[in-house]
N, C-alpha and C. Protein backbone atom coordinates (compact mmCIF):
# COMPACT_ATOMS: atom_id res chain seq x y z
N MET A 1 0.78 -1.18 0.08
CA MET A 1 -0.06 0.05 -0.03
C MET A 1 0.97 1.42 0.04
N ASN A 2 0.38 2.13 -0.79
CA ASN A 2 1.34 3.39 -0.55
C ASN A 2 0.59 4.50 0.39
N THR A 3 1.34 5.53 0.50
CA THR A 3 1.00 6.44 1.55
C THR A 3 -0.52 7.10 1.35
N ASN A 4 -0.70 7.23 -0.03
CA ASN A 4 -2.38 7.72 -0.15
C ASN A 4 -3.33 6.78 0.49
N GLU A 5 -3.09 5.63 0.11
CA GLU A 5 -4.11 4.59 0.83
C GLU A 5 -4.07 4.41 2.25
N ASN A 6 -2.95 4.69 2.82
CA ASN A 6 -2.91 4.82 4.28
C ASN A 6 -3.57 5.98 4.91
N ASP A 7 -3.44 7.12 4.03
CA ASP A 7 -4.18 8.36 4.55
C ASP A 7 -5.53 8.24 4.31
N TRP A 8 -5.97 7.45 3.42
CA TRP A 8 -7.34 7.28 3.11
C TRP A 8 -7.89 6.47 4.18
N LEU A 9 -7.51 5.31 4.51
CA LEU A 9 -7.74 4.37 5.59
C LEU A 9 -7.69 5.13 7.13
N LYS A 10 -6.73 5.98 7.20
CA LYS A 10 -6.73 6.67 8.51
C LYS A 10 -7.94 7.62 8.72
N GLY A 11 -8.21 8.15 7.41
CA GLY A 11 -9.47 9.16 7.41
C GLY A 11 -10.66 8.29 7.89
N LEU A 12 -10.74 7.26 7.00
CA LEU A 12 -12.15 6.43 7.43
C LEU A 12 -12.28 5.99 8.80
N PHE A 13 -10.96 5.38 9.41
CA PHE A 13 -11.12 5.11 10.66
C PHE A 13 -11.27 6.32 11.68
N SER A 14 -10.99 7.34 11.42
CA SER A 14 -11.11 8.49 12.28
C SER A 14 -12.62 8.85 12.23
N ARG A 15 -13.18 8.61 11.26
CA ARG A 15 -14.78 9.02 11.38
C ARG A 15 -15.69 8.12 11.82
N LEU A 16 -14.97 6.86 12.29
CA LEU A 16 -15.95 5.89 13.14
C LEU A 16 -16.08 6.31 14.63
N PRO A 17 -17.38 6.21 14.89
CA PRO A 17 -17.59 6.51 16.29
C PRO A 17 -16.97 5.73 17.35
N GLY A 18 -16.30 6.34 18.25
CA GLY A 18 -15.50 5.89 19.55
C GLY A 18 -16.27 5.20 20.45
N GLU A 19 -17.22 4.26 20.12
CA GLU A 19 -17.77 3.48 21.16
C GLU A 19 -17.22 2.55 22.16
N GLU A 20 -17.36 2.65 23.26
CA GLU A 20 -16.71 1.83 24.25
C GLU A 20 -17.76 0.52 24.19
N PRO A 21 -17.00 -0.75 24.60
CA PRO A 21 -17.85 -1.86 24.53
C PRO A 21 -18.63 -1.90 26.02
N SER A 22 -19.58 -2.49 26.06
CA SER A 22 -20.42 -2.64 27.29
C SER A 22 -19.48 -3.15 28.48
N ALA A 23 -19.96 -2.92 29.78
CA ALA A 23 -19.24 -3.23 30.86
C ALA A 23 -19.00 -4.84 31.01
N SER A 24 -19.94 -5.47 30.45
CA SER A 24 -19.81 -7.09 30.56
C SER A 24 -19.32 -7.54 29.32
N PHE A 25 -18.99 -6.86 28.34
CA PHE A 25 -18.30 -7.58 27.34
C PHE A 25 -17.43 -8.54 27.34
N ARG A 26 -16.55 -8.33 28.09
CA ARG A 26 -15.35 -9.39 28.37
C ARG A 26 -16.05 -10.60 28.87
N GLU A 27 -17.00 -10.45 29.90
CA GLU A 27 -17.64 -11.68 30.42
C GLU A 27 -18.44 -12.30 29.63
N ASP A 28 -19.18 -11.55 28.67
CA ASP A 28 -20.06 -12.44 27.87
C ASP A 28 -19.24 -13.11 26.77
N MET A 29 -18.06 -12.71 26.33
CA MET A 29 -17.19 -13.06 25.36
C MET A 29 -16.80 -14.37 25.98
N MET A 30 -16.32 -14.42 27.24
CA MET A 30 -15.54 -15.56 27.79
C MET A 30 -16.72 -16.64 27.93
N LYS A 31 -17.89 -16.13 28.24
CA LYS A 31 -19.07 -17.19 28.26
C LYS A 31 -19.39 -17.81 27.06
N ARG A 32 -19.27 -17.13 25.85
CA ARG A 32 -19.60 -17.60 24.53
C ARG A 32 -18.36 -18.62 24.23
N ILE A 33 -17.09 -18.24 24.60
CA ILE A 33 -16.16 -18.98 24.24
C ILE A 33 -16.08 -20.41 25.08
N MET A 34 -16.58 -20.36 26.33
CA MET A 34 -16.44 -21.61 27.15
C MET A 34 -17.88 -22.34 26.66
N ALA A 35 -18.68 -21.72 26.04
CA ALA A 35 -19.93 -22.58 25.67
C ALA A 35 -19.57 -23.23 24.37
N GLU A 36 -18.79 -22.69 23.51
CA GLU A 36 -18.40 -23.18 22.13
C GLU A 36 -17.28 -24.42 22.46
N ALA A 37 -16.50 -24.09 23.53
CA ALA A 37 -15.37 -25.14 23.80
C ALA A 37 -16.09 -26.48 24.60
N ILE A 38 -17.17 -26.27 25.29
CA ILE A 38 -18.03 -27.33 25.98
C ILE A 38 -18.80 -28.07 24.60
N ARG A 39 -19.36 -27.51 23.79
CA ARG A 39 -19.81 -27.73 22.47
C ARG A 39 -18.97 -28.82 21.70
N ILE A 40 -17.83 -28.42 21.33
CA ILE A 40 -16.88 -29.01 20.73
C ILE A 40 -16.45 -30.11 21.41
N LYS A 41 -16.20 -30.33 22.88
CA LYS A 41 -15.80 -31.21 23.46
C LYS A 41 -16.94 -32.33 23.60
N LYS A 42 -18.20 -31.89 23.53
CA LYS A 42 -19.22 -32.93 23.56
C LYS A 42 -19.15 -33.72 22.10
N ARG A 43 -19.06 -32.78 21.09
CA ARG A 43 -19.24 -33.41 19.69
C ARG A 43 -18.13 -34.41 19.66
N ASN A 44 -16.89 -34.13 20.07
CA ASN A 44 -15.65 -35.05 19.98
C ASN A 44 -15.98 -36.17 20.62
N GLU A 45 -16.56 -36.09 22.04
CA GLU A 45 -16.79 -37.21 22.61
C GLU A 45 -17.92 -38.42 21.90
N ARG A 46 -19.07 -37.69 21.34
CA ARG A 46 -19.99 -38.45 20.57
C ARG A 46 -19.26 -38.95 19.40
N LEU A 47 -18.34 -38.34 18.72
CA LEU A 47 -17.66 -39.10 17.49
C LEU A 47 -16.64 -40.26 17.99
N GLY A 48 -16.28 -39.98 19.21
CA GLY A 48 -15.34 -41.02 19.74
C GLY A 48 -16.23 -42.33 20.06
N TRP A 49 -17.25 -42.24 20.72
CA TRP A 49 -18.32 -43.22 21.01
C TRP A 49 -18.41 -43.81 19.76
N LEU A 50 -19.13 -43.12 18.83
CA LEU A 50 -19.42 -43.61 17.53
C LEU A 50 -18.34 -44.51 16.80
N SER A 51 -17.15 -43.98 16.79
CA SER A 51 -16.18 -44.65 16.31
C SER A 51 -16.02 -46.17 17.12
N VAL A 52 -16.08 -45.97 18.40
CA VAL A 52 -15.90 -47.34 19.13
C VAL A 52 -17.02 -48.23 18.99
N ILE A 53 -18.20 -47.79 18.70
CA ILE A 53 -19.36 -48.59 18.58
C ILE A 53 -19.11 -49.33 17.32
N LEU A 54 -18.77 -48.45 16.14
CA LEU A 54 -18.82 -49.05 14.74
C LEU A 54 -17.65 -50.10 14.79
N ALA A 55 -16.31 -49.74 15.40
CA ALA A 55 -15.28 -50.78 15.22
C ALA A 55 -15.74 -51.91 15.95
N SER A 56 -16.55 -51.80 17.06
CA SER A 56 -17.06 -53.08 17.77
C SER A 56 -17.93 -54.04 16.81
N LEU A 57 -18.88 -53.18 16.34
CA LEU A 57 -19.60 -53.91 15.29
C LEU A 57 -19.03 -54.71 14.20
N VAL A 58 -18.22 -53.98 13.65
CA VAL A 58 -17.29 -54.56 12.69
C VAL A 58 -16.42 -55.71 13.10
N ILE A 59 -15.92 -55.60 14.24
CA ILE A 59 -15.25 -56.91 14.77
C ILE A 59 -16.16 -58.09 14.97
N VAL A 60 -17.53 -57.79 15.49
CA VAL A 60 -18.29 -58.87 15.84
C VAL A 60 -18.85 -59.41 14.32
N GLY A 61 -19.02 -58.47 13.54
CA GLY A 61 -19.52 -59.11 12.12
C GLY A 61 -18.44 -59.85 11.66
N LEU A 62 -17.16 -59.44 11.81
CA LEU A 62 -16.16 -60.31 10.95
C LEU A 62 -16.00 -61.74 11.70
N ALA A 63 -16.31 -61.68 12.99
CA ALA A 63 -16.24 -62.77 13.65
C ALA A 63 -17.36 -63.78 13.30
N ILE A 64 -18.54 -63.30 13.31
CA ILE A 64 -19.69 -64.05 12.66
C ILE A 64 -19.47 -64.58 11.38
N ALA A 65 -18.95 -63.66 10.47
CA ALA A 65 -18.83 -64.18 9.02
C ALA A 65 -17.70 -65.27 9.01
N SER A 66 -16.69 -64.98 9.84
CA SER A 66 -15.60 -66.07 9.78
C SER A 66 -16.12 -67.36 10.42
N LEU A 67 -17.03 -67.31 11.18
CA LEU A 67 -17.53 -68.48 11.65
C LEU A 67 -18.47 -69.33 10.78
N ILE A 68 -19.26 -68.39 10.08
CA ILE A 68 -20.33 -68.99 9.04
C ILE A 68 -19.25 -69.53 8.00
N TYR A 69 -18.43 -68.86 7.36
CA TYR A 69 -17.87 -69.15 6.44
C TYR A 69 -16.85 -70.44 6.53
N THR A 70 -16.33 -70.58 7.74
CA THR A 70 -15.41 -71.92 8.23
C THR A 70 -16.51 -72.86 8.68
N GLY A 71 -17.72 -72.71 9.01
CA GLY A 71 -18.73 -73.77 9.33
C GLY A 71 -18.73 -73.49 10.88
N ILE A 72 -19.67 -73.64 11.42
CA ILE A 72 -19.70 -73.40 12.88
C ILE A 72 -19.79 -74.79 13.53
N PRO A 73 -18.76 -75.02 14.38
CA PRO A 73 -18.72 -76.29 15.12
C PRO A 73 -19.77 -76.57 16.07
N LYS A 74 -20.20 -77.86 16.22
CA LYS A 74 -21.04 -77.90 17.24
C LYS A 74 -20.55 -77.75 18.67
N ILE A 75 -21.35 -76.89 19.40
CA ILE A 75 -20.79 -76.53 20.64
C ILE A 75 -21.50 -77.59 21.68
N THR A 76 -20.70 -78.16 22.70
CA THR A 76 -21.40 -79.07 23.63
C THR A 76 -21.00 -78.47 24.96
N ILE A 77 -21.79 -78.29 25.89
CA ILE A 77 -21.54 -77.71 27.16
C ILE A 77 -21.44 -78.94 28.19
N ARG A 78 -20.43 -79.23 28.81
CA ARG A 78 -20.32 -80.23 30.01
C ARG A 78 -20.76 -79.88 31.39
N ILE A 79 -21.65 -80.31 32.14
CA ILE A 79 -21.82 -79.82 33.41
C ILE A 79 -20.87 -80.61 34.27
N PRO A 80 -20.11 -79.78 35.02
CA PRO A 80 -18.84 -80.23 35.86
C PRO A 80 -19.51 -81.22 36.99
N ASP A 81 -18.59 -82.07 37.56
CA ASP A 81 -18.99 -82.81 38.67
C ASP A 81 -19.43 -82.04 39.77
N LEU A 82 -20.39 -82.62 40.85
CA LEU A 82 -20.45 -82.02 41.90
C LEU A 82 -19.59 -82.06 42.99
N THR A 83 -18.60 -82.95 42.54
CA THR A 83 -17.56 -82.97 43.66
C THR A 83 -16.68 -81.83 43.54
N THR A 84 -16.55 -81.07 42.42
CA THR A 84 -15.68 -79.92 42.30
C THR A 84 -16.47 -78.61 42.61
N LEU A 85 -17.79 -78.88 42.80
CA LEU A 85 -18.64 -77.66 43.13
C LEU A 85 -18.13 -76.83 44.48
N SER A 86 -17.72 -77.48 45.51
CA SER A 86 -17.27 -77.14 46.68
C SER A 86 -16.08 -76.14 46.39
N PHE A 87 -15.01 -76.53 45.45
CA PHE A 87 -13.94 -75.88 45.18
C PHE A 87 -14.00 -74.60 44.35
N TYR A 88 -15.16 -74.60 43.36
CA TYR A 88 -15.39 -73.64 42.72
C TYR A 88 -16.03 -72.51 43.46
N LEU A 89 -17.13 -72.99 44.63
CA LEU A 89 -17.69 -71.96 45.67
C LEU A 89 -16.43 -71.30 46.42
N PHE A 90 -15.57 -72.10 46.84
CA PHE A 90 -14.55 -71.71 47.78
C PHE A 90 -13.71 -70.60 46.91
N ILE A 91 -13.34 -70.61 45.62
CA ILE A 91 -12.65 -69.72 44.90
C ILE A 91 -13.45 -68.53 44.36
N GLY A 92 -14.84 -68.57 44.27
CA GLY A 92 -15.63 -67.61 44.11
C GLY A 92 -15.74 -66.76 45.20
N SER A 93 -15.95 -67.50 46.24
CA SER A 93 -16.24 -66.61 47.37
C SER A 93 -14.90 -65.75 47.89
N LEU A 94 -13.76 -66.47 47.73
CA LEU A 94 -12.42 -65.75 47.76
C LEU A 94 -12.35 -64.50 46.81
N ALA A 95 -12.80 -64.71 45.52
CA ALA A 95 -12.54 -63.51 44.65
C ALA A 95 -13.53 -62.26 45.12
N LEU A 96 -14.69 -62.83 45.68
CA LEU A 96 -15.87 -61.70 45.92
C LEU A 96 -15.39 -61.12 47.15
N ILE A 97 -14.65 -61.86 48.24
CA ILE A 97 -14.08 -61.04 49.62
C ILE A 97 -12.77 -60.25 49.10
N LEU A 98 -12.19 -60.58 48.19
CA LEU A 98 -11.02 -59.64 47.80
C LEU A 98 -11.37 -58.47 46.95
N LEU A 99 -12.37 -58.72 46.30
CA LEU A 99 -12.96 -57.40 45.41
C LEU A 99 -13.52 -56.53 46.25
N THR A 100 -14.40 -57.07 47.38
CA THR A 100 -15.05 -56.31 48.34
C THR A 100 -13.94 -55.44 49.10
N LEU A 101 -13.11 -55.92 49.65
CA LEU A 101 -11.87 -55.39 50.39
C LEU A 101 -11.21 -54.35 49.64
N ASP A 102 -10.97 -54.50 48.19
CA ASP A 102 -10.25 -53.72 47.40
C ASP A 102 -11.03 -52.35 47.42
N HIS A 103 -12.39 -52.57 47.26
CA HIS A 103 -13.29 -51.55 47.14
C HIS A 103 -13.14 -50.57 48.32
N TYR A 104 -13.33 -51.14 49.50
CA TYR A 104 -13.30 -50.43 50.66
C TYR A 104 -11.78 -49.99 50.86
N PHE A 105 -10.87 -50.49 50.64
CA PHE A 105 -9.65 -49.90 50.74
C PHE A 105 -9.42 -48.61 49.72
N ARG A 106 -9.76 -48.72 48.43
CA ARG A 106 -9.89 -47.72 47.63
C ARG A 106 -10.72 -46.53 48.11
N GLN A 107 -11.69 -46.61 48.52
CA GLN A 107 -12.49 -45.60 48.99
C GLN A 107 -11.91 -44.76 50.28
N ALA A 108 -11.22 -45.67 51.17
CA ALA A 108 -10.54 -45.10 52.20
C ALA A 108 -9.23 -44.26 51.89
N TYR A 109 -8.54 -44.91 50.73
CA TYR A 109 -7.46 -44.05 50.15
C TYR A 109 -7.75 -42.76 49.67
N LYS A 110 -8.93 -42.89 48.78
CA LYS A 110 -9.34 -41.50 48.14
C LYS A 110 -9.88 -40.45 49.13
N LYS A 111 -10.63 -40.86 50.42
CA LYS A 111 -11.02 -40.00 51.27
C LYS A 111 -9.60 -39.40 51.99
N LYS A 112 -8.59 -40.19 52.19
CA LYS A 112 -7.45 -39.80 52.93
C LYS A 112 -6.58 -38.73 52.16
N HIS A 113 -6.58 -39.06 50.65
CA HIS A 113 -5.87 -38.21 50.04
C HIS A 113 -6.62 -36.96 49.17
N GLN A 114 -7.71 -36.56 49.60
CA GLN A 114 -8.48 -35.64 48.99
C GLN A 114 -8.20 -34.32 49.57
C-alpha cells in the first residue's frame, strides 16, 4: 500500500464513532468461548463413542462371518461334577471377598488423599 491509501484508511477510521464496549463485554465473550469449547468437547466425545461402537460392530460382524464361512462347529457344554462344586464356590467366595476389600480400601485411600 502506498501512503495515499494509508491516509485514506486513517481518514475512514477516524470518522468511526469511538464507542466503548459494554461493561460486561469481556464476561459475555468468555461465556460464549466456554460454551463453544463445551460444545466442541461434547461433539468429539460423541464421535469417539460412535467410532468405538462402529469398530466393535465390525469386529463382531467379522467374527460371525468367519464362523459362518468356516462352518460353525457343534458346541457342547459339559456340566462339571458336583464334587468340584465346593472348590468353585470356595474360589468364587475368595474372589468376592478380595474385590469387596479392594473397593473399601480404595474408598478409604481416596478420602485420605483428597
